[in-house]
């Protein structure tokens, strides 16, 4: 996700210096190059058109990143990850 996060910052900088700046197709490609994000978008599309305009992709990526970080550092998430690790290390089946 790091290339996408860096691109979010670059877009923020562009907008800070030029309010008429646009989100480009190249920006969208950077976001879609994040495998986890792209896979979730593909899995989520259920016949509905997933927004493919660069600004829509940016909004989805920003939302995905925020939720990922919120989950990644939540106490419950850490406890679940620790439990899974302990079970794997013990050789018991989940």
C-alpha atoms as a PDB file:
ATOM      1  CA  UNK A   1       0.000   0.000   0.000  1.00  0.00           C
ATOM      2  CA  UNK A   2       2.985   2.285   0.395  1.00  0.00           C
ATOM      3  CA  UNK A   3       3.100   3.466  -3.260  1.00  0.00           C
ATOM      4  CA  UNK A   4      -0.584   4.386  -3.020  1.00  0.00           C
ATOM      5  CA  UNK A   5      -0.096   6.241   0.241  1.00  0.00           C
ATOM      6  CA  UNK A   6       2.810   8.156  -1.283  1.00  0.00           C
ATOM      7  CA  UNK A   7       0.615   9.012  -4.260  1.00  0.00           C
ATOM      8  CA  UNK A   8      -2.153  10.268  -1.943  1.00  0.00           C
ATOM      9  CA  UNK A   9       0.407  12.627  -0.422  1.00  0.00           C
ATOM     10  CA  UNK A  10       1.602  13.780  -3.852  1.00  0.00           C
ATOM     11  CA  UNK A  11      -1.996  14.545  -4.871  1.00  0.00           C
ATOM     12  CA  UNK A  12      -2.523  16.414  -1.612  1.00  0.00           C
ATOM     13  CA  UNK A  13       0.558  18.496  -2.409  1.00  0.00           C
ATOM     14  CA  UNK A  14      -0.666  19.174  -5.963  1.00  0.00           C
ATOM     15  CA  UNK A  15      -4.021  20.348  -4.641  1.00  0.00           C
ATOM     16  CA  UNK A  16      -2.350  22.515  -1.989  1.00  0.00           C
ATOM     17  CA  UNK A  17      -0.481  24.407  -4.710  1.00  0.00           C
ATOM     18  CA  UNK A  18      -3.112  24.299  -7.458  1.00  0.00           C
ATOM     19  CA  UNK A  19      -6.808  24.029  -6.589  1.00  0.00           C
ATOM     20  CA  UNK A  20      -7.535  23.151 -10.216  1.00  0.00           C
ATOM     21  CA  UNK A  21      -5.341  20.034 -10.104  1.00  0.00           C
ATOM     22  CA  UNK A  22      -6.952  16.818 -11.270  1.00  0.00           C
ATOM     23  CA  UNK A  23      -6.589  13.179 -10.266  1.00  0.00           C
ATOM     24  CA  UNK A  24      -5.136  11.439 -13.314  1.00  0.00           C
ATOM     25  CA  UNK A  25      -5.387   7.981 -14.819  1.00  0.00           C
ATOM     26  CA  UNK A  26      -1.749   7.487 -13.773  1.00  0.00           C
ATOM     27  CA  UNK A  27      -2.762   8.229 -10.164  1.00  0.00           C
ATOM     28  CA  UNK A  28      -5.520   5.605 -10.396  1.00  0.00           C
ATOM     29  CA  UNK A  29      -3.051   3.051 -11.819  1.00  0.00           C
ATOM     30  CA  UNK A  30      -0.797   3.531  -8.788  1.00  0.00           C
ATOM     31  CA  UNK A  31      -3.726   2.858  -6.422  1.00  0.00           C
ATOM     32  CA  UNK A  32      -4.830  -0.172  -8.426  1.00  0.00           C
ATOM     33  CA  UNK A  33      -1.288  -1.578  -8.391  1.00  0.00           C
ATOM     34  CA  UNK A  34      -1.814  -2.354  -4.688  1.00  0.00           C
ATOM     35  CA  UNK A  35      -2.680  -6.041  -4.960  1.00  0.00           C
ATOM     36  CA  UNK A  36      -4.811  -6.224  -1.816  1.00  0.00           C
ATOM     37  CA  UNK A  37      -6.832  -3.161  -2.803  1.00  0.00           C
ATOM     38  CA  UNK A  38      -7.309  -4.362  -6.377  1.00  0.00           C
ATOM     39  CA  UNK A  39      -8.346  -7.844  -5.200  1.00  0.00           C
ATOM     40  CA  UNK A  40     -10.896  -6.424  -2.761  1.00  0.00           C
ATOM     41  CA  UNK A  41     -12.336  -4.160  -5.470  1.00  0.00           C
ATOM     42  CA  UNK A  42     -12.645  -7.120  -7.825  1.00  0.00           C
ATOM     43  CA  UNK A  43     -14.269  -9.303  -5.161  1.00  0.00           C
ATOM     44  CA  UNK A  44     -16.641  -6.542  -4.112  1.00  0.00           C
ATOM     45  CA  UNK A  45     -17.994  -5.878  -7.579  1.00  0.00           C
ATOM     46  CA  UNK A  46     -21.216  -7.870  -7.767  1.00  0.00           C
ATOM     47  CA  UNK A  47     -22.430  -6.922 -11.203  1.00  0.00           C
ATOM     48  CA  UNK A  48     -22.618  -3.277 -10.194  1.00  0.00           C
ATOM     49  CA  UNK A  49     -20.252  -0.958 -11.939  1.00  0.00           C
ATOM     50  CA  UNK A  50     -17.344  -0.223  -9.629  1.00  0.00           C
ATOM     51  CA  UNK A  51     -16.353   3.410 -10.077  1.00  0.00           C
ATOM     52  CA  UNK A  52     -13.307   3.556 -12.317  1.00  0.00           C
ATOM     53  CA  UNK A  53     -12.920   7.298 -12.640  1.00  0.00           C
ATOM     54  CA  UNK A  54      -9.588   8.356 -11.111  1.00  0.00           C
ATOM     55  CA  UNK A  55     -11.260  10.379  -8.347  1.00  0.00           C
ATOM     56  CA  UNK A  56     -13.517   7.435  -7.463  1.00  0.00           C
ATOM     57  CA  UNK A  57     -10.520   5.099  -7.315  1.00  0.00           C
ATOM     58  CA  UNK A  58      -8.714   7.596  -5.062  1.00  0.00           C
ATOM     59  CA  UNK A  59     -11.721   7.797  -2.727  1.00  0.00           C
ATOM     60  CA  UNK A  60     -11.994   4.000  -2.548  1.00  0.00           C
ATOM     61  CA  UNK A  61      -8.253   3.622  -1.948  1.00  0.00           C
ATOM     62  CA  UNK A  62      -8.258   6.249   0.805  1.00  0.00           C
ATOM     63  CA  UNK A  63     -11.219   4.529   2.489  1.00  0.00           C
ATOM     64  CA  UNK A  64      -9.573   1.109   2.132  1.00  0.00           C
ATOM     65  CA  UNK A  65      -6.316   2.379   3.619  1.00  0.00           C
ATOM     66  CA  UNK A  66      -8.046   4.059   6.568  1.00  0.00           C
ATOM     67  CA  UNK A  67     -10.056   0.934   7.371  1.00  0.00           C
ATOM     68  CA  UNK A  68      -6.982  -1.283   6.977  1.00  0.00           C
ATOM     69  CA  UNK A  69      -4.968   0.805   9.409  1.00  0.00           C
ATOM     70  CA  UNK A  70      -7.842   1.007  11.853  1.00  0.00           C
ATOM     71  CA  UNK A  71      -8.211  -2.778  11.788  1.00  0.00           C
ATOM     72  CA  UNK A  72      -4.475  -3.459  11.753  1.00  0.00           C
ATOM     73  CA  UNK A  73      -3.837  -1.603  15.003  1.00  0.00           C
ATOM     74  CA  UNK A  74      -7.070  -2.373  16.868  1.00  0.00           C
ATOM     75  CA  UNK A  75      -6.627  -4.296  20.142  1.00  0.00           C
ATOM     76  CA  UNK A  76      -9.102  -7.001  19.080  1.00  0.00           C
ATOM     77  CA  UNK A  77      -7.263  -7.494  15.797  1.00  0.00           C
ATOM     78  CA  UNK A  78      -3.966  -7.900  17.620  1.00  0.00           C
ATOM     79  CA  UNK A  79      -5.529 -10.434  20.002  1.00  0.00           C
ATOM     80  CA  UNK A  80      -6.978 -12.461  17.128  1.00  0.00           C
ATOM     81  CA  UNK A  81      -3.663 -12.418  15.256  1.00  0.00           C
ATOM     82  CA  UNK A  82      -1.822 -13.508  18.395  1.00  0.00           C
ATOM     83  CA  UNK A  83      -4.303 -16.348  18.967  1.00  0.00           C
ATOM     84  CA  UNK A  84      -3.930 -17.571  15.386  1.00  0.00           C
ATOM     85  CA  UNK A  85      -0.145 -17.456  15.705  1.00  0.00           C
ATOM     86  CA  UNK A  86      -0.253 -19.451  18.944  1.00  0.00           C
ATOM     87  CA  UNK A  87      -2.513 -22.084  17.414  1.00  0.00           C
ATOM     88  CA  UNK A  88      -0.269 -22.387  14.345  1.00  0.00           C
ATOM     89  CA  UNK A  89       2.824 -22.712  16.514  1.00  0.00           C
ATOM     90  CA  UNK A  90       1.169 -25.398  18.661  1.00  0.00           C
ATOM     91  CA  UNK A  91       0.380 -27.526  15.624  1.00  0.00           C
ATOM     92  CA  UNK A  92      -3.361 -27.672  16.462  1.00  0.00           C
ATOM     93  CA  UNK A  93      -5.857 -27.305  13.635  1.00  0.00           C
ATOM     94  CA  UNK A  94      -7.982 -24.180  13.520  1.00  0.00           C
END
